[in-house]
C-alpha atoms as a PDB file:
ATOM      1  CA  UNK A   1      66.104 155.321  54.856  1.00  0.00           C
ATOM      2  CA  UNK A   2      65.435 153.565  58.107  1.00  0.00           C
ATOM      3  CA  UNK A   3      65.830 149.906  58.987  1.00  0.00           C
ATOM      4  CA  UNK A   4      62.808 147.286  58.687  1.00  0.00           C
ATOM      5  CA  UNK A   5      60.539 146.517  61.576  1.00  0.00           C
ATOM      6  CA  UNK A   6      60.996 147.074  65.303  1.00  0.00           C
ATOM      7  CA  UNK A   7      64.354 147.334  66.873  1.00  0.00           C
ATOM      8  CA  UNK A   8      65.919 144.025  68.496  1.00  0.00           C
ATOM      9  CA  UNK A   9      65.630 143.425  71.977  1.00  0.00           C
ATOM     10  CA  UNK A  10      68.843 143.379  73.971  1.00  0.00           C
ATOM     11  CA  UNK A  11      70.213 140.036  74.637  1.00  0.00           C
ATOM     12  CA  UNK A  12      70.204 140.561  78.245  1.00  0.00           C
ATOM     13  CA  UNK A  13      66.458 140.918  78.093  1.00  0.00           C
ATOM     14  CA  UNK A  14      65.955 137.802  75.959  1.00  0.00           C
ATOM     15  CA  UNK A  15      68.007 135.889  78.613  1.00  0.00           C
ATOM     16  CA  UNK A  16      65.523 137.079  81.331  1.00  0.00           C
ATOM     17  CA  UNK A  17      62.452 136.076  79.116  1.00  0.00           C
ATOM     18  CA  UNK A  18      63.865 133.118  78.087  1.00  0.00           C
ATOM     19  CA  UNK A  19      63.280 133.708  74.577  1.00  0.00           C
ATOM     20  CA  UNK A  20      64.342 131.250  71.664  1.00  0.00           C
ATOM     21  CA  UNK A  21      65.427 134.099  69.766  1.00  0.00           C
ATOM     22  CA  UNK A  22      68.717 134.110  71.940  1.00  0.00           C
ATOM     23  CA  UNK A  23      69.901 131.291  70.070  1.00  0.00           C
ATOM     24  CA  UNK A  24      69.952 133.426  66.879  1.00  0.00           C
ATOM     25  CA  UNK A  25      72.351 135.739  68.030  1.00  0.00           C
ATOM     26  CA  UNK A  26      75.694 134.213  67.285  1.00  0.00           C
ATOM     27  CA  UNK A  27      77.678 137.187  65.997  1.00  0.00           C
ATOM     28  CA  UNK A  28      76.661 139.752  68.671  1.00  0.00           C
ATOM     29  CA  UNK A  29      79.424 141.600  70.473  1.00  0.00           C
ATOM     30  CA  UNK A  30      79.816 140.531  74.227  1.00  0.00           C
ATOM     31  CA  UNK A  31      80.043 143.226  76.757  1.00  0.00           C
ATOM     32  CA  UNK A  32      80.902 142.545  80.327  1.00  0.00           C
ATOM     33  CA  UNK A  33      78.293 143.629  82.641  1.00  0.00           C
ATOM     34  CA  UNK A  34      78.968 146.257  85.169  1.00  0.00           C
ATOM     35  CA  UNK A  35      78.232 149.646  86.465  1.00  0.00           C
ATOM     36  CA  UNK A  36      79.093 152.473  83.875  1.00  0.00           C
ATOM     37  CA  UNK A  37      81.104 155.247  84.989  1.00  0.00           C
ATOM     38  CA  UNK A  38      79.590 158.697  84.967  1.00  0.00           C
ATOM     39  CA  UNK A  39      80.328 160.673  81.866  1.00  0.00           C
ATOM     40  CA  UNK A  40      82.584 163.875  82.481  1.00  0.00           C
ATOM     41  CA  UNK A  41      80.000 166.095  80.748  1.00  0.00           C
ATOM     42  CA  UNK A  42      77.506 165.507  83.430  1.00  0.00           C
ATOM     43  CA  UNK A  43      77.371 168.079  86.124  1.00  0.00           C
ATOM     44  CA  UNK A  44      75.655 168.761  89.631  1.00  0.00           C
ATOM     45  CA  UNK A  45      72.104 167.264  89.700  1.00  0.00           C
ATOM     46  CA  UNK A  46      72.724 165.378  86.341  1.00  0.00           C
ATOM     47  CA  UNK A  47      75.641 163.324  88.003  1.00  0.00           C
ATOM     48  CA  UNK A  48      73.246 162.569  91.058  1.00  0.00           C
ATOM     49  CA  UNK A  49      70.533 161.319  88.515  1.00  0.00           C
ATOM     50  CA  UNK A  50      72.902 159.170  86.717  1.00  0.00           C
ATOM     51  CA  UNK A  51      73.930 157.455  90.239  1.00  0.00           C
ATOM     52  CA  UNK A  52      70.239 157.255  91.060  1.00  0.00           C
ATOM     53  CA  UNK A  53      69.311 155.480  87.828  1.00  0.00           C
ATOM     54  CA  UNK A  54      72.572 153.210  88.063  1.00  0.00           C
ATOM     55  CA  UNK A  55      71.424 152.131  91.506  1.00  0.00           C
ATOM     56  CA  UNK A  56      68.029 151.377  90.288  1.00  0.00           C
ATOM     57  CA  UNK A  57      69.088 149.450  87.255  1.00  0.00           C
ATOM     58  CA  UNK A  58      71.546 147.219  88.819  1.00  0.00           C
ATOM     59  CA  UNK A  59      68.776 145.365  90.443  1.00  0.00           C
ATOM     60  CA  UNK A  60      68.205 143.720  87.056  1.00  0.00           C
ATOM     61  CA  UNK A  61      71.078 141.438  86.545  1.00  0.00           C
ATOM     62  CA  UNK A  62      73.105 141.905  83.170  1.00  0.00           C
ATOM     63  CA  UNK A  63      71.108 144.952  82.109  1.00  0.00           C
ATOM     64  CA  UNK A  64      73.781 147.533  82.682  1.00  0.00           C
ATOM     65  CA  UNK A  65      77.249 147.660  81.205  1.00  0.00           C
ATOM     66  CA  UNK A  66      80.168 150.132  80.795  1.00  0.00           C
ATOM     67  CA  UNK A  67      79.025 150.851  77.212  1.00  0.00           C
ATOM     68  CA  UNK A  68      75.759 152.218  78.268  1.00  0.00           C
ATOM     69  CA  UNK A  69      77.520 155.349  80.011  1.00  0.00           C
ATOM     70  CA  UNK A  70      76.545 157.788  77.476  1.00  0.00           C
ATOM     71  CA  UNK A  71      73.111 156.514  76.752  1.00  0.00           C
ATOM     72  CA  UNK A  72      72.261 156.423  80.456  1.00  0.00           C
ATOM     73  CA  UNK A  73      73.906 160.008  80.674  1.00  0.00           C
ATOM     74  CA  UNK A  74      71.439 161.349  78.286  1.00  0.00           C
ATOM     75  CA  UNK A  75      68.653 159.864  79.926  1.00  0.00           C
ATOM     76  CA  UNK A  76      69.871 161.461  83.212  1.00  0.00           C
ATOM     77  CA  UNK A  77      70.252 165.013  81.443  1.00  0.00           C
ATOM     78  CA  UNK A  78      66.552 164.633  79.969  1.00  0.00           C
ATOM     79  CA  UNK A  79      65.277 163.725  83.400  1.00  0.00           C
ATOM     80  CA  UNK A  80      66.739 166.916  84.963  1.00  0.00           C
ATOM     81  CA  UNK A  81      65.908 168.963  82.059  1.00  0.00           C
ATOM     82  CA  UNK A  82      62.232 167.842  82.384  1.00  0.00           C
ATOM     83  CA  UNK A  83      62.242 168.571  86.309  1.00  0.00           C
ATOM     84  CA  UNK A  84      63.538 172.093  85.598  1.00  0.00           C
ATOM     85  CA  UNK A  85      61.191 172.814  82.778  1.00  0.00           C
ATOM     86  CA  UNK A  86      58.185 171.575  84.761  1.00  0.00           C
ATOM     87  CA  UNK A  87      58.996 173.669  87.771  1.00  0.00           C
ATOM     88  CA  UNK A  88      59.197 176.807  85.541  1.00  0.00           C
ATOM     89  CA  UNK A  89      55.907 175.719  83.312  1.00  0.00           C
ATOM     90  CA  UNK A  90      53.868 175.489  86.580  1.00  0.00           C
ATOM     91  CA  UNK A  91      55.001 179.111  87.457  1.00  0.00           C
ATOM     92  CA  UNK A  92      54.410 180.461  84.075  1.00  0.00           C
ATOM     93  CA  UNK A  93      51.578 178.448  82.517  1.00  0.00           C
ATOM     94  CA  UNK A  94      50.887 180.920  79.705  1.00  0.00           C
ATOM     95  CA  UNK A  95      53.537 182.976  77.866  1.00  0.00           C
ATOM     96  CA  UNK A  96      52.969 186.791  78.393  1.00  0.00           C
ATOM     97  CA  UNK A  97      52.980 187.520  74.727  1.00  0.00           C
ATOM     98  CA  UNK A  98      50.187 189.092  72.458  1.00  0.00           C
ATOM     99  CA  UNK A  99      48.248 185.892  72.507  1.00  0.00           C
ATOM    100  CA  UNK A 100      47.221 184.817  76.041  1.00  0.00           C
ATOM    101  CA  UNK A 101      46.071 181.135  74.746  1.00  0.00           C
ATOM    102  CA  UNK A 102      49.581 180.521  73.823  1.00  0.00           C
ATOM    103  CA  UNK A 103      51.476 177.642  75.471  1.00  0.00           C
ATOM    104  CA  UNK A 104      54.594 178.667  77.835  1.00  0.00           C
ATOM    105  CA  UNK A 105      57.907 177.596  76.064  1.00  0.00           C
ATOM    106  CA  UNK A 106      58.638 176.108  79.427  1.00  0.00           C
ATOM    107  CA  UNK A 107      55.730 173.623  78.708  1.00  0.00           C
ATOM    108  CA  UNK A 108      57.064 172.989  75.256  1.00  0.00           C
ATOM    109  CA  UNK A 109      60.556 172.203  76.570  1.00  0.00           C
ATOM    110  CA  UNK A 110      59.417 169.889  79.410  1.00  0.00           C
ATOM    111  CA  UNK A 111      56.929 167.912  76.856  1.00  0.00           C
ATOM    112  CA  UNK A 112      60.237 167.469  74.664  1.00  0.00           C
ATOM    113  CA  UNK A 113      62.172 166.455  77.370  1.00  0.00           C
ATOM    114  CA  UNK A 114      59.798 164.055  78.643  1.00  0.00           C
ATOM    115  CA  UNK A 115      59.397 162.416  75.255  1.00  0.00           C
ATOM    116  CA  UNK A 116      63.421 161.665  75.324  1.00  0.00           C
ATOM    117  CA  UNK A 117      62.941 160.269  78.760  1.00  0.00           C
ATOM    118  CA  UNK A 118      60.232 157.830  77.544  1.00  0.00           C
ATOM    119  CA  UNK A 119      62.475 156.649  74.728  1.00  0.00           C
ATOM    120  CA  UNK A 120      65.334 156.114  77.274  1.00  0.00           C
ATOM    121  CA  UNK A 121      63.037 154.533  79.919  1.00  0.00           C
ATOM    122  CA  UNK A 122      61.772 152.142  77.247  1.00  0.00           C
ATOM    123  CA  UNK A 123      65.565 151.342  75.911  1.00  0.00           C
ATOM    124  CA  UNK A 124      66.644 150.261  79.597  1.00  0.00           C
ATOM    125  CA  UNK A 125      63.417 148.512  80.355  1.00  0.00           C
ATOM    126  CA  UNK A 126      62.370 150.859  82.895  1.00  0.00           C
ATOM    127  CA  UNK A 127      58.509 151.171  81.785  1.00  0.00           C
ATOM    128  CA  UNK A 128      55.725 149.007  83.257  1.00  0.00           C
ATOM    129  CA  UNK A 129      55.183 147.321  79.886  1.00  0.00           C
ATOM    130  CA  UNK A 130      58.871 146.925  79.382  1.00  0.00           C
ATOM    131  CA  UNK A 131      59.294 145.320  82.928  1.00  0.00           C
ATOM    132  CA  UNK A 132      56.206 143.135  82.236  1.00  0.00           C
ATOM    133  CA  UNK A 133      57.942 141.803  79.059  1.00  0.00           C
ATOM    134  CA  UNK A 134      60.791 140.652  80.948  1.00  0.00           C
ATOM    135  CA  UNK A 135      58.903 138.050  82.839  1.00  0.00           C
ATOM    136  CA  UNK A 136      60.644 138.412  86.139  1.00  0.00           C
ATOM    137  CA  UNK A 137      59.673 136.126  89.331  1.00  0.00           C
ATOM    138  CA  UNK A 138      58.060 138.419  92.033  1.00  0.00           C
ATOM    139  CA  UNK A 139      60.935 138.014  94.359  1.00  0.00           C
ATOM    140  CA  UNK A 140      63.156 139.731  91.450  1.00  0.00           C
ATOM    141  CA  UNK A 141      60.636 142.284  90.636  1.00  0.00           C
ATOM    142  CA  UNK A 142      62.185 145.975  90.758  1.00  0.00           C
ATOM    143  CA  UNK A 143      60.675 148.100  93.524  1.00  0.00           C
ATOM    144  CA  UNK A 144      57.656 150.334  92.764  1.00  0.00           C
ATOM    145  CA  UNK A 145      57.523 154.050  92.873  1.00  0.00           C
ATOM    146  CA  UNK A 146      60.687 154.529  90.833  1.00  0.00           C
ATOM    147  CA  UNK A 147      59.411 157.951  89.524  1.00  0.00           C
ATOM    148  CA  UNK A 148      59.087 159.167  92.971  1.00  0.00           C
ATOM    149  CA  UNK A 149      62.436 158.153  94.046  1.00  0.00           C
ATOM    150  CA  UNK A 150      63.812 160.275  91.093  1.00  0.00           C
ATOM    151  CA  UNK A 151      61.999 163.155  92.466  1.00  0.00           C
ATOM    152  CA  UNK A 152      59.429 163.552  89.561  1.00  0.00           C
ATOM    153  CA  UNK A 153      55.938 164.208  91.070  1.00  0.00           C
ATOM    154  CA  UNK A 154      54.131 164.311  87.572  1.00  0.00           C
END
Protein backbone atom coordinates (compact mmCIF):
# COMPACT_ATOMS: atom_id res chain seq x y z
CA UNK A 1 0.00 0.00 0.00
CA UNK A 2 1.25 3.46 -0.84
CA UNK A 3 2.02 6.29 1.52
CA UNK A 4 -0.51 8.99 2.30
CA UNK A 5 -0.39 12.38 0.67
CA UNK A 6 2.04 13.91 -1.79
CA UNK A 7 5.76 13.18 -1.44
CA UNK A 8 7.67 15.69 0.71
CA UNK A 9 9.59 18.47 -1.00
CA UNK A 10 13.37 18.13 -0.85
CA UNK A 11 15.01 20.21 1.86
CA UNK A 12 17.07 22.15 -0.70
CA UNK A 13 13.84 23.34 -2.33
CA UNK A 14 12.35 24.25 1.05
CA UNK A 15 15.43 26.37 1.81
CA UNK A 16 15.07 28.22 -1.49
CA UNK A 17 11.41 29.00 -0.82
CA UNK A 18 12.03 29.97 2.81
CA UNK A 19 9.38 27.54 4.00
CA UNK A 20 8.60 27.15 7.70
CA UNK A 21 8.38 23.37 7.12
CA UNK A 22 12.17 23.36 7.00
CA UNK A 23 12.33 23.46 10.80
CA UNK A 24 10.35 20.21 11.08
CA UNK A 25 13.11 18.25 9.34
CA UNK A 26 15.32 17.34 12.29
CA UNK A 27 16.12 13.69 11.53
CA UNK A 28 16.76 14.00 7.82
CA UNK A 29 20.08 12.60 6.55
CA UNK A 30 22.47 15.31 5.38
CA UNK A 31 24.13 14.85 2.00
CA UNK A 32 26.99 17.08 0.90
CA UNK A 33 26.01 19.05 -2.22
CA UNK A 34 28.13 18.55 -5.31
CA UNK A 35 28.19 17.34 -8.87
CA UNK A 36 27.30 13.64 -9.14
CA UNK A 37 29.61 11.28 -10.98
CA UNK A 38 28.23 9.83 -14.21
CA UNK A 39 27.08 6.21 -13.68
CA UNK A 40 29.15 3.62 -15.53
CA UNK A 41 26.09 2.10 -17.21
CA UNK A 42 25.45 5.25 -19.25
CA UNK A 43 27.05 5.19 -22.70
CA UNK A 44 27.44 7.54 -25.66
CA UNK A 45 24.63 10.04 -26.04
CA UNK A 46 23.28 9.16 -22.57
CA UNK A 47 26.57 10.28 -20.98
CA UNK A 48 26.44 13.55 -22.93
CA UNK A 49 22.85 14.12 -21.78
CA UNK A 50 23.88 13.43 -18.17
CA UNK A 51 26.60 16.09 -18.41
CA UNK A 52 24.18 18.60 -19.98
CA UNK A 53 21.64 18.01 -17.21
CA UNK A 54 24.29 18.41 -14.51
CA UNK A 55 25.49 21.64 -16.09
CA UNK A 56 21.99 23.12 -16.14
CA UNK A 57 21.06 21.97 -12.65
CA UNK A 58 24.21 23.36 -11.04
CA UNK A 59 22.74 26.85 -11.46
CA UNK A 60 20.36 26.05 -8.57
CA UNK A 61 22.58 25.95 -5.46
CA UNK A 62 22.34 22.85 -3.27
CA UNK A 63 20.06 20.96 -5.65
CA UNK A 64 22.52 18.33 -6.89
CA UNK A 65 24.30 15.84 -4.66
CA UNK A 66 26.45 12.80 -5.46
CA UNK A 67 23.54 10.66 -4.21
CA UNK A 68 21.48 11.84 -7.21
CA UNK A 69 23.71 10.12 -9.77
CA UNK A 70 21.43 7.19 -10.57
CA UNK A 71 18.18 9.19 -10.56
CA UNK A 72 19.77 11.73 -12.89
CA UNK A 73 21.19 8.88 -14.98
CA UNK A 74 17.71 7.43 -15.47
CA UNK A 75 16.43 10.86 -16.48
CA UNK A 76 19.24 11.21 -19.04
CA UNK A 77 18.52 7.72 -20.34
CA UNK A 78 14.79 8.49 -20.67
CA UNK A 79 15.52 11.72 -22.55
CA UNK A 80 17.71 9.90 -25.06
CA UNK A 81 15.09 7.15 -25.45
CA UNK A 82 12.48 9.84 -26.09
CA UNK A 83 14.61 11.55 -28.74
CA UNK A 84 15.33 8.28 -30.56
CA UNK A 85 11.73 7.03 -30.41
CA UNK A 86 10.37 10.41 -31.50
CA UNK A 87 12.74 10.52 -34.47
CA UNK A 88 11.62 7.05 -35.58
CA UNK A 89 7.96 7.84 -34.92
CA UNK A 90 8.09 10.82 -37.28
CA UNK A 91 9.33 8.51 -40.05
CA UNK A 92 6.76 5.78 -39.34
CA UNK A 93 3.61 7.45 -38.01
CA UNK A 94 1.45 4.37 -38.44
CA UNK A 95 2.39 0.73 -38.18
CA UNK A 96 2.28 -1.30 -41.36
CA UNK A 97 0.04 -4.01 -39.89
CA UNK A 98 -3.43 -5.14 -40.94
CA UNK A 99 -5.09 -2.11 -39.35
CA UNK A 100 -4.01 1.19 -40.91
CA UNK A 101 -5.29 3.20 -37.92
CA UNK A 102 -3.04 1.49 -35.40
CA UNK A 103 -0.51 3.77 -33.69
CA UNK A 104 3.16 3.14 -34.34
CA UNK A 105 5.03 1.31 -31.56
CA UNK A 106 7.65 4.07 -31.82
CA UNK A 107 5.00 6.61 -30.87
CA UNK A 108 4.00 4.49 -27.86
CA UNK A 109 7.67 4.20 -26.83
CA UNK A 110 8.11 7.97 -27.20
CA UNK A 111 5.03 8.64 -25.05
CA UNK A 112 6.22 6.26 -22.31
CA UNK A 113 9.73 7.77 -22.34
CA UNK A 114 8.25 11.27 -22.16
CA UNK A 115 6.13 10.31 -19.14
CA UNK A 116 9.28 9.09 -17.37
CA UNK A 117 11.00 12.37 -18.30
CA UNK A 118 8.14 14.45 -16.87
CA UNK A 119 8.40 12.62 -13.55
CA UNK A 120 12.17 13.11 -13.50
CA UNK A 121 11.86 16.80 -14.38
CA UNK A 122 9.42 17.25 -11.52
CA UNK A 123 11.68 15.49 -9.05
CA UNK A 124 14.59 17.77 -9.92
CA UNK A 125 12.54 20.98 -10.17
CA UNK A 126 12.97 21.43 -13.92
CA UNK A 127 9.37 22.15 -14.96
CA UNK A 128 7.97 25.70 -15.05
CA UNK A 129 5.59 25.02 -12.16
CA UNK A 130 8.41 23.55 -10.06
CA UNK A 131 10.64 26.53 -10.81
CA UNK A 132 7.81 28.90 -9.87
CA UNK A 133 7.44 27.13 -6.54
CA UNK A 134 11.14 27.74 -5.79
CA UNK A 135 10.45 31.46 -5.41
CA UNK A 136 13.87 32.45 -6.78
CA UNK A 137 14.80 36.06 -7.44
CA UNK A 138 14.99 37.15 -11.07
CA UNK A 139 18.80 37.31 -11.09
CA UNK A 140 19.02 33.66 -9.92
CA UNK A 141 16.40 32.36 -12.34
CA UNK A 142 17.61 29.55 -14.57
CA UNK A 143 17.97 30.44 -18.25
CA UNK A 144 15.01 29.77 -20.51
CA UNK A 145 14.91 27.35 -23.40
CA UNK A 146 16.39 24.38 -21.55
CA UNK A 147 14.49 21.87 -23.68
CA UNK A 148 16.06 23.34 -26.81
CA UNK A 149 19.52 23.14 -25.18
CA UNK A 150 18.87 19.43 -24.60
CA UNK A 151 18.20 18.99 -28.31
CA UNK A 152 14.48 18.27 -27.94
CA UNK A 153 12.29 20.09 -30.43
CA UNK A 154 8.95 18.63 -29.35
